[in-house]
Amino acid sequence: SQAGATYVFVICPNLGGDMNCDCTIDELDVEPFVLALIDPAGYATAYPGCNILSGDMQPNGNVDGGDVQGFVDLLIP
């Protein structure tokens, strides 16, 4: 820790579909969503502060192919 350093922590609500934890749902969430679908362990490594269940659009307690349409619906106005 540096003397005089200022740290800012941004806390946003658990937004369904916000797969990269930047507090928005947009095209930047597509790649992390696909990673969560095909490699949950890889998603956890790449996005350690994020909750994989943000991609659970059904919700049924896991991220799977049944969540794809709900995720797409969030991206298309």
N, C-alpha and C. Protein backbone atom coordinates (compact mmCIF):
# COMPACT_ATOMS: atom_id res chain seq x y z
N SER A 1 0.84 -1.18 0.00
CA SER A 1 0.00 0.00 0.00
C SER A 1 0.88 1.24 0.00
N GLN A 2 0.57 2.19 -0.86
CA GLN A 2 1.35 3.41 -0.95
C GLN A 2 0.73 4.48 -0.05
N ALA A 3 1.58 5.28 0.56
CA ALA A 3 1.09 6.38 1.38
C ALA A 3 0.34 7.37 0.48
N GLY A 4 -0.81 7.79 0.93
CA GLY A 4 -1.60 8.76 0.17
C GLY A 4 -2.40 8.16 -0.97
N ALA A 5 -2.32 6.86 -1.15
CA ALA A 5 -3.06 6.21 -2.23
C ALA A 5 -4.55 6.20 -1.91
N THR A 6 -5.35 6.33 -2.94
CA THR A 6 -6.80 6.28 -2.79
C THR A 6 -7.31 5.08 -3.55
N TYR A 7 -8.15 4.30 -2.89
CA TYR A 7 -8.73 3.13 -3.52
C TYR A 7 -10.23 3.34 -3.65
N VAL A 8 -10.75 2.97 -4.80
CA VAL A 8 -12.18 3.08 -5.04
C VAL A 8 -12.71 1.71 -5.39
N PHE A 9 -13.73 1.27 -4.69
CA PHE A 9 -14.36 0.00 -4.97
C PHE A 9 -15.75 0.28 -5.50
N VAL A 10 -16.07 -0.26 -6.64
CA VAL A 10 -17.39 -0.09 -7.22
C VAL A 10 -18.20 -1.34 -6.94
N ILE A 11 -19.32 -1.14 -6.31
CA ILE A 11 -20.20 -2.26 -6.03
C ILE A 11 -21.49 -2.03 -6.79
N CYS A 12 -21.80 -2.94 -7.65
CA CYS A 12 -23.05 -2.82 -8.40
C CYS A 12 -23.92 -4.04 -8.07
N PRO A 13 -25.20 -3.90 -8.28
CA PRO A 13 -26.07 -5.04 -7.98
C PRO A 13 -25.76 -6.21 -8.90
N ASN A 14 -26.14 -7.38 -8.47
CA ASN A 14 -25.95 -8.57 -9.30
C ASN A 14 -26.93 -8.51 -10.46
N LEU A 15 -26.49 -7.95 -11.56
CA LEU A 15 -27.33 -7.81 -12.75
C LEU A 15 -27.32 -9.09 -13.55
N GLY A 16 -28.48 -9.65 -13.76
CA GLY A 16 -28.57 -10.83 -14.62
C GLY A 16 -28.07 -10.48 -16.01
N GLY A 17 -27.10 -11.21 -16.49
CA GLY A 17 -26.52 -10.97 -17.80
C GLY A 17 -25.21 -10.20 -17.78
N ASP A 18 -24.88 -9.58 -16.66
CA ASP A 18 -23.61 -8.83 -16.55
C ASP A 18 -22.49 -9.81 -16.24
N MET A 19 -22.00 -10.45 -17.27
CA MET A 19 -21.05 -11.56 -17.10
C MET A 19 -19.61 -11.12 -16.88
N ASN A 20 -19.30 -9.85 -17.15
CA ASN A 20 -17.94 -9.37 -16.92
C ASN A 20 -17.87 -8.42 -15.72
N CYS A 21 -18.98 -8.26 -15.02
CA CYS A 21 -19.06 -7.47 -13.78
C CYS A 21 -18.63 -6.02 -13.95
N ASP A 22 -19.05 -5.41 -15.05
CA ASP A 22 -18.76 -3.99 -15.23
C ASP A 22 -20.00 -3.12 -15.01
N CYS A 23 -21.02 -3.71 -14.42
CA CYS A 23 -22.27 -3.03 -14.06
C CYS A 23 -23.11 -2.60 -15.26
N THR A 24 -22.84 -3.18 -16.43
CA THR A 24 -23.67 -2.96 -17.61
C THR A 24 -23.88 -4.29 -18.32
N ILE A 25 -24.95 -4.33 -19.09
CA ILE A 25 -25.22 -5.51 -19.91
C ILE A 25 -25.09 -5.07 -21.35
N ASP A 26 -24.05 -5.54 -22.02
CA ASP A 26 -23.78 -5.12 -23.39
C ASP A 26 -22.98 -6.20 -24.12
N GLU A 27 -22.48 -5.84 -25.30
CA GLU A 27 -21.78 -6.82 -26.13
C GLU A 27 -20.50 -7.34 -25.47
N LEU A 28 -19.97 -6.62 -24.50
CA LEU A 28 -18.77 -7.09 -23.79
C LEU A 28 -19.07 -8.27 -22.87
N ASP A 29 -20.34 -8.57 -22.66
CA ASP A 29 -20.73 -9.71 -21.84
C ASP A 29 -20.87 -11.00 -22.64
N VAL A 30 -20.85 -10.91 -23.96
CA VAL A 30 -21.06 -12.09 -24.80
C VAL A 30 -19.95 -13.12 -24.62
N GLU A 31 -18.71 -12.69 -24.74
CA GLU A 31 -17.59 -13.64 -24.62
C GLU A 31 -17.56 -14.30 -23.24
N PRO A 32 -17.71 -13.53 -22.14
CA PRO A 32 -17.75 -14.21 -20.84
C PRO A 32 -18.94 -15.16 -20.69
N PHE A 33 -20.09 -14.81 -21.28
CA PHE A 33 -21.25 -15.69 -21.21
C PHE A 33 -20.96 -17.02 -21.92
N VAL A 34 -20.37 -16.95 -23.10
CA VAL A 34 -20.03 -18.16 -23.84
C VAL A 34 -19.00 -18.98 -23.05
N LEU A 35 -18.03 -18.31 -22.45
CA LEU A 35 -17.04 -19.01 -21.64
C LEU A 35 -17.72 -19.72 -20.46
N ALA A 36 -18.68 -19.06 -19.83
CA ALA A 36 -19.41 -19.67 -18.72
C ALA A 36 -20.17 -20.91 -19.18
N LEU A 37 -20.69 -20.87 -20.40
CA LEU A 37 -21.42 -22.01 -20.95
C LEU A 37 -20.51 -23.20 -21.21
N ILE A 38 -19.36 -22.95 -21.83
CA ILE A 38 -18.52 -24.05 -22.28
C ILE A 38 -17.40 -24.45 -21.31
N ASP A 39 -17.04 -23.53 -20.40
CA ASP A 39 -15.93 -23.80 -19.49
C ASP A 39 -16.12 -23.03 -18.18
N PRO A 40 -17.01 -23.52 -17.32
CA PRO A 40 -17.27 -22.81 -16.06
C PRO A 40 -16.01 -22.55 -15.22
N ALA A 41 -15.09 -23.50 -15.19
CA ALA A 41 -13.85 -23.30 -14.43
C ALA A 41 -13.01 -22.18 -15.06
N GLY A 42 -12.98 -22.14 -16.38
CA GLY A 42 -12.26 -21.07 -17.08
C GLY A 42 -12.89 -19.71 -16.82
N TYR A 43 -14.23 -19.69 -16.75
CA TYR A 43 -14.92 -18.44 -16.43
C TYR A 43 -14.53 -17.98 -15.03
N ALA A 44 -14.54 -18.89 -14.08
CA ALA A 44 -14.18 -18.54 -12.70
C ALA A 44 -12.76 -17.99 -12.60
N THR A 45 -11.86 -18.53 -13.41
CA THR A 45 -10.47 -18.06 -13.42
C THR A 45 -10.37 -16.69 -14.09
N ALA A 46 -11.07 -16.51 -15.20
CA ALA A 46 -10.98 -15.26 -15.95
C ALA A 46 -11.71 -14.11 -15.26
N TYR A 47 -12.77 -14.42 -14.52
CA TYR A 47 -13.60 -13.40 -13.87
C TYR A 47 -13.82 -13.77 -12.40
N PRO A 48 -12.74 -13.74 -11.61
CA PRO A 48 -12.82 -14.26 -10.24
C PRO A 48 -13.79 -13.52 -9.32
N GLY A 49 -14.10 -12.28 -9.58
CA GLY A 49 -15.02 -11.53 -8.73
C GLY A 49 -16.46 -11.61 -9.17
N CYS A 50 -16.71 -12.30 -10.26
CA CYS A 50 -18.06 -12.36 -10.84
C CYS A 50 -18.77 -13.65 -10.42
N ASN A 51 -20.07 -13.56 -10.38
CA ASN A 51 -20.90 -14.72 -10.07
C ASN A 51 -21.40 -15.34 -11.37
N ILE A 52 -21.00 -16.56 -11.64
CA ILE A 52 -21.40 -17.23 -12.87
C ILE A 52 -22.92 -17.29 -13.02
N LEU A 53 -23.64 -17.28 -11.91
CA LEU A 53 -25.09 -17.37 -11.98
C LEU A 53 -25.75 -16.10 -12.52
N SER A 54 -24.95 -15.07 -12.80
CA SER A 54 -25.48 -13.91 -13.51
C SER A 54 -25.95 -14.31 -14.91
N GLY A 55 -25.46 -15.44 -15.39
CA GLY A 55 -25.86 -15.95 -16.69
C GLY A 55 -27.02 -16.93 -16.64
N ASP A 56 -27.53 -17.18 -15.45
CA ASP A 56 -28.64 -18.13 -15.28
C ASP A 56 -29.96 -17.40 -15.51
N MET A 57 -30.39 -17.37 -16.76
CA MET A 57 -31.57 -16.60 -17.14
C MET A 57 -32.88 -17.30 -16.84
N GLN A 58 -32.87 -18.60 -16.54
CA GLN A 58 -34.12 -19.35 -16.39
C GLN A 58 -34.84 -19.14 -15.06
N PRO A 59 -34.43 -18.96 -13.93
CA PRO A 59 -33.21 -19.48 -13.30
C PRO A 59 -33.42 -20.90 -12.78
N ASN A 60 -32.41 -21.71 -12.96
CA ASN A 60 -32.49 -23.09 -12.48
C ASN A 60 -31.25 -23.52 -11.72
N GLY A 61 -30.39 -22.55 -11.38
CA GLY A 61 -29.22 -22.86 -10.58
C GLY A 61 -27.97 -23.19 -11.36
N ASN A 62 -28.03 -23.13 -12.70
CA ASN A 62 -26.82 -23.32 -13.48
C ASN A 62 -26.93 -22.58 -14.81
N VAL A 63 -25.81 -22.39 -15.46
CA VAL A 63 -25.76 -21.72 -16.76
C VAL A 63 -25.65 -22.80 -17.82
N ASP A 64 -26.64 -22.84 -18.72
CA ASP A 64 -26.66 -23.87 -19.75
C ASP A 64 -27.34 -23.33 -21.01
N GLY A 65 -27.51 -24.18 -21.99
CA GLY A 65 -28.09 -23.78 -23.26
C GLY A 65 -29.47 -23.17 -23.14
N GLY A 66 -30.21 -23.52 -22.10
CA GLY A 66 -31.53 -22.95 -21.89
C GLY A 66 -31.50 -21.48 -21.53
N ASP A 67 -30.32 -20.95 -21.21
CA ASP A 67 -30.18 -19.54 -20.83
C ASP A 67 -29.84 -18.64 -22.01
N VAL A 68 -29.52 -19.22 -23.15
CA VAL A 68 -29.05 -18.44 -24.29
C VAL A 68 -30.09 -17.43 -24.77
N GLN A 69 -31.33 -17.86 -24.98
CA GLN A 69 -32.34 -16.93 -25.50
C GLN A 69 -32.60 -15.78 -24.53
N GLY A 70 -32.66 -16.05 -23.25
CA GLY A 70 -32.86 -14.98 -22.27
C GLY A 70 -31.72 -13.99 -22.28
N PHE A 71 -30.49 -14.50 -22.44
CA PHE A 71 -29.33 -13.62 -22.51
C PHE A 71 -29.39 -12.75 -23.77
N VAL A 72 -29.70 -13.37 -24.90
CA VAL A 72 -29.81 -12.62 -26.16
C VAL A 72 -30.87 -11.55 -26.05
N ASP A 73 -32.00 -11.87 -25.43
CA ASP A 73 -33.09 -10.90 -25.27
C ASP A 73 -32.64 -9.68 -24.48
N LEU A 74 -31.71 -9.84 -23.54
CA LEU A 74 -31.19 -8.70 -22.79
C LEU A 74 -30.37 -7.76 -23.67
N LEU A 75 -29.72 -8.31 -24.67
CA LEU A 75 -28.82 -7.52 -25.52
C LEU A 75 -29.53 -6.80 -26.64
N ILE A 76 -30.69 -7.30 -27.03
CA ILE A 76 -31.42 -6.71 -28.15
C ILE A 76 -32.56 -5.86 -27.60
N PRO A 77 -32.47 -4.56 -27.81
CA PRO A 77 -33.53 -3.68 -27.27
C PRO A 77 -34.88 -3.90 -27.91
